[in-house]
Amino acid sequence: MTEEESPKSMGMRLVKGIVAQMGGEYEFRNEDGLVFDAKVALSVAARTV
């Protein structure tokens, strides 16, 4: 999902907000079905935000 494609559902808005709060990133892609990949820091020291 690109920045221009704003999430329309409540679930997608929640995912985007939570991942952003944690200083992470996410992506959706199609690999014979939907794949959701989120990367977040597991410690406060590793966060970039």
C-alpha atoms as a PDB file:
ATOM      1  CA  MET A   1       0.000   0.000   0.000  1.00  0.00           C
ATOM      2  CA  THR A   2       1.467   3.290  -1.039  1.00  0.00           C
ATOM      3  CA  GLU A   3       1.149   6.520   0.904  1.00  0.00           C
ATOM      4  CA  GLU A   4      -1.351   7.781  -1.685  1.00  0.00           C
ATOM      5  CA  GLU A   5      -3.674   4.838  -0.984  1.00  0.00           C
ATOM      6  CA  SER A   6      -5.280   5.818   2.285  1.00  0.00           C
ATOM      7  CA  PRO A   7      -6.766   2.950   4.285  1.00  0.00           C
ATOM      8  CA  LYS A   8     -10.548   2.955   4.174  1.00  0.00           C
ATOM      9  CA  SER A   9     -11.491   0.379   6.802  1.00  0.00           C
ATOM     10  CA  MET A  10     -11.227   0.868  10.570  1.00  0.00           C
ATOM     11  CA  GLY A  11      -8.916  -2.143  10.817  1.00  0.00           C
ATOM     12  CA  MET A  12      -6.501  -0.748   8.255  1.00  0.00           C
ATOM     13  CA  ARG A  13      -6.465   2.638   9.987  1.00  0.00           C
ATOM     14  CA  LEU A  14      -5.708   0.906  13.300  1.00  0.00           C
ATOM     15  CA  VAL A  15      -2.857  -1.117  11.788  1.00  0.00           C
ATOM     16  CA  LYS A  16      -1.351   1.973  10.170  1.00  0.00           C
ATOM     17  CA  GLY A  17      -1.627   3.971  13.407  1.00  0.00           C
ATOM     18  CA  ILE A  18      -0.238   1.282  15.715  1.00  0.00           C
ATOM     19  CA  VAL A  19       2.702   0.468  13.458  1.00  0.00           C
ATOM     20  CA  ALA A  20       3.458   4.202  13.086  1.00  0.00           C
ATOM     21  CA  GLN A  21       3.326   4.710  16.883  1.00  0.00           C
ATOM     22  CA  MET A  22       5.861   1.916  17.276  1.00  0.00           C
ATOM     23  CA  GLY A  23       8.182   3.502  14.707  1.00  0.00           C
ATOM     24  CA  GLY A  24       7.716   0.607  12.317  1.00  0.00           C
ATOM     25  CA  GLU A  25       6.744   0.025   8.747  1.00  0.00           C
ATOM     26  CA  TYR A  26       4.318  -2.272   6.977  1.00  0.00           C
ATOM     27  CA  GLU A  27       3.462  -3.521   3.537  1.00  0.00           C
ATOM     28  CA  PHE A  28       0.790  -5.550   1.839  1.00  0.00           C
ATOM     29  CA  ARG A  29       1.463  -7.679  -1.200  1.00  0.00           C
ATOM     30  CA  ASN A  30      -0.117 -10.445  -3.218  1.00  0.00           C
ATOM     31  CA  GLU A  31       1.634 -13.813  -3.203  1.00  0.00           C
ATOM     32  CA  ASP A  32      -1.205 -16.154  -4.189  1.00  0.00           C
ATOM     33  CA  GLY A  33      -3.211 -14.329  -1.519  1.00  0.00           C
ATOM     34  CA  LEU A  34      -2.780 -11.317   0.716  1.00  0.00           C
ATOM     35  CA  VAL A  35       0.463 -11.075   2.690  1.00  0.00           C
ATOM     36  CA  PHE A  36       0.818  -8.493   5.460  1.00  0.00           C
ATOM     37  CA  ASP A  37       4.333  -7.765   6.679  1.00  0.00           C
ATOM     38  CA  ALA A  38       4.970  -5.441   9.648  1.00  0.00           C
ATOM     39  CA  LYS A  39       8.355  -4.584  11.117  1.00  0.00           C
ATOM     40  CA  VAL A  40       8.460  -2.983  14.565  1.00  0.00           C
ATOM     41  CA  ALA A  41      11.182  -2.536  17.183  1.00  0.00           C
ATOM     42  CA  LEU A  42      10.978  -4.875  20.158  1.00  0.00           C
ATOM     43  CA  SER A  43      12.770  -2.449  22.464  1.00  0.00           C
ATOM     44  CA  VAL A  44      12.441   1.278  23.082  1.00  0.00           C
ATOM     45  CA  ALA A  45      16.140   1.823  22.326  1.00  0.00           C
ATOM     46  CA  ALA A  46      15.719   0.348  18.823  1.00  0.00           C
ATOM     47  CA  ARG A  47      12.827   2.650  17.837  1.00  0.00           C
ATOM     48  CA  THR A  48      13.485   5.368  15.286  1.00  0.00           C
ATOM     49  CA  VAL A  49      10.654   7.697  16.373  1.00  0.00           C
END
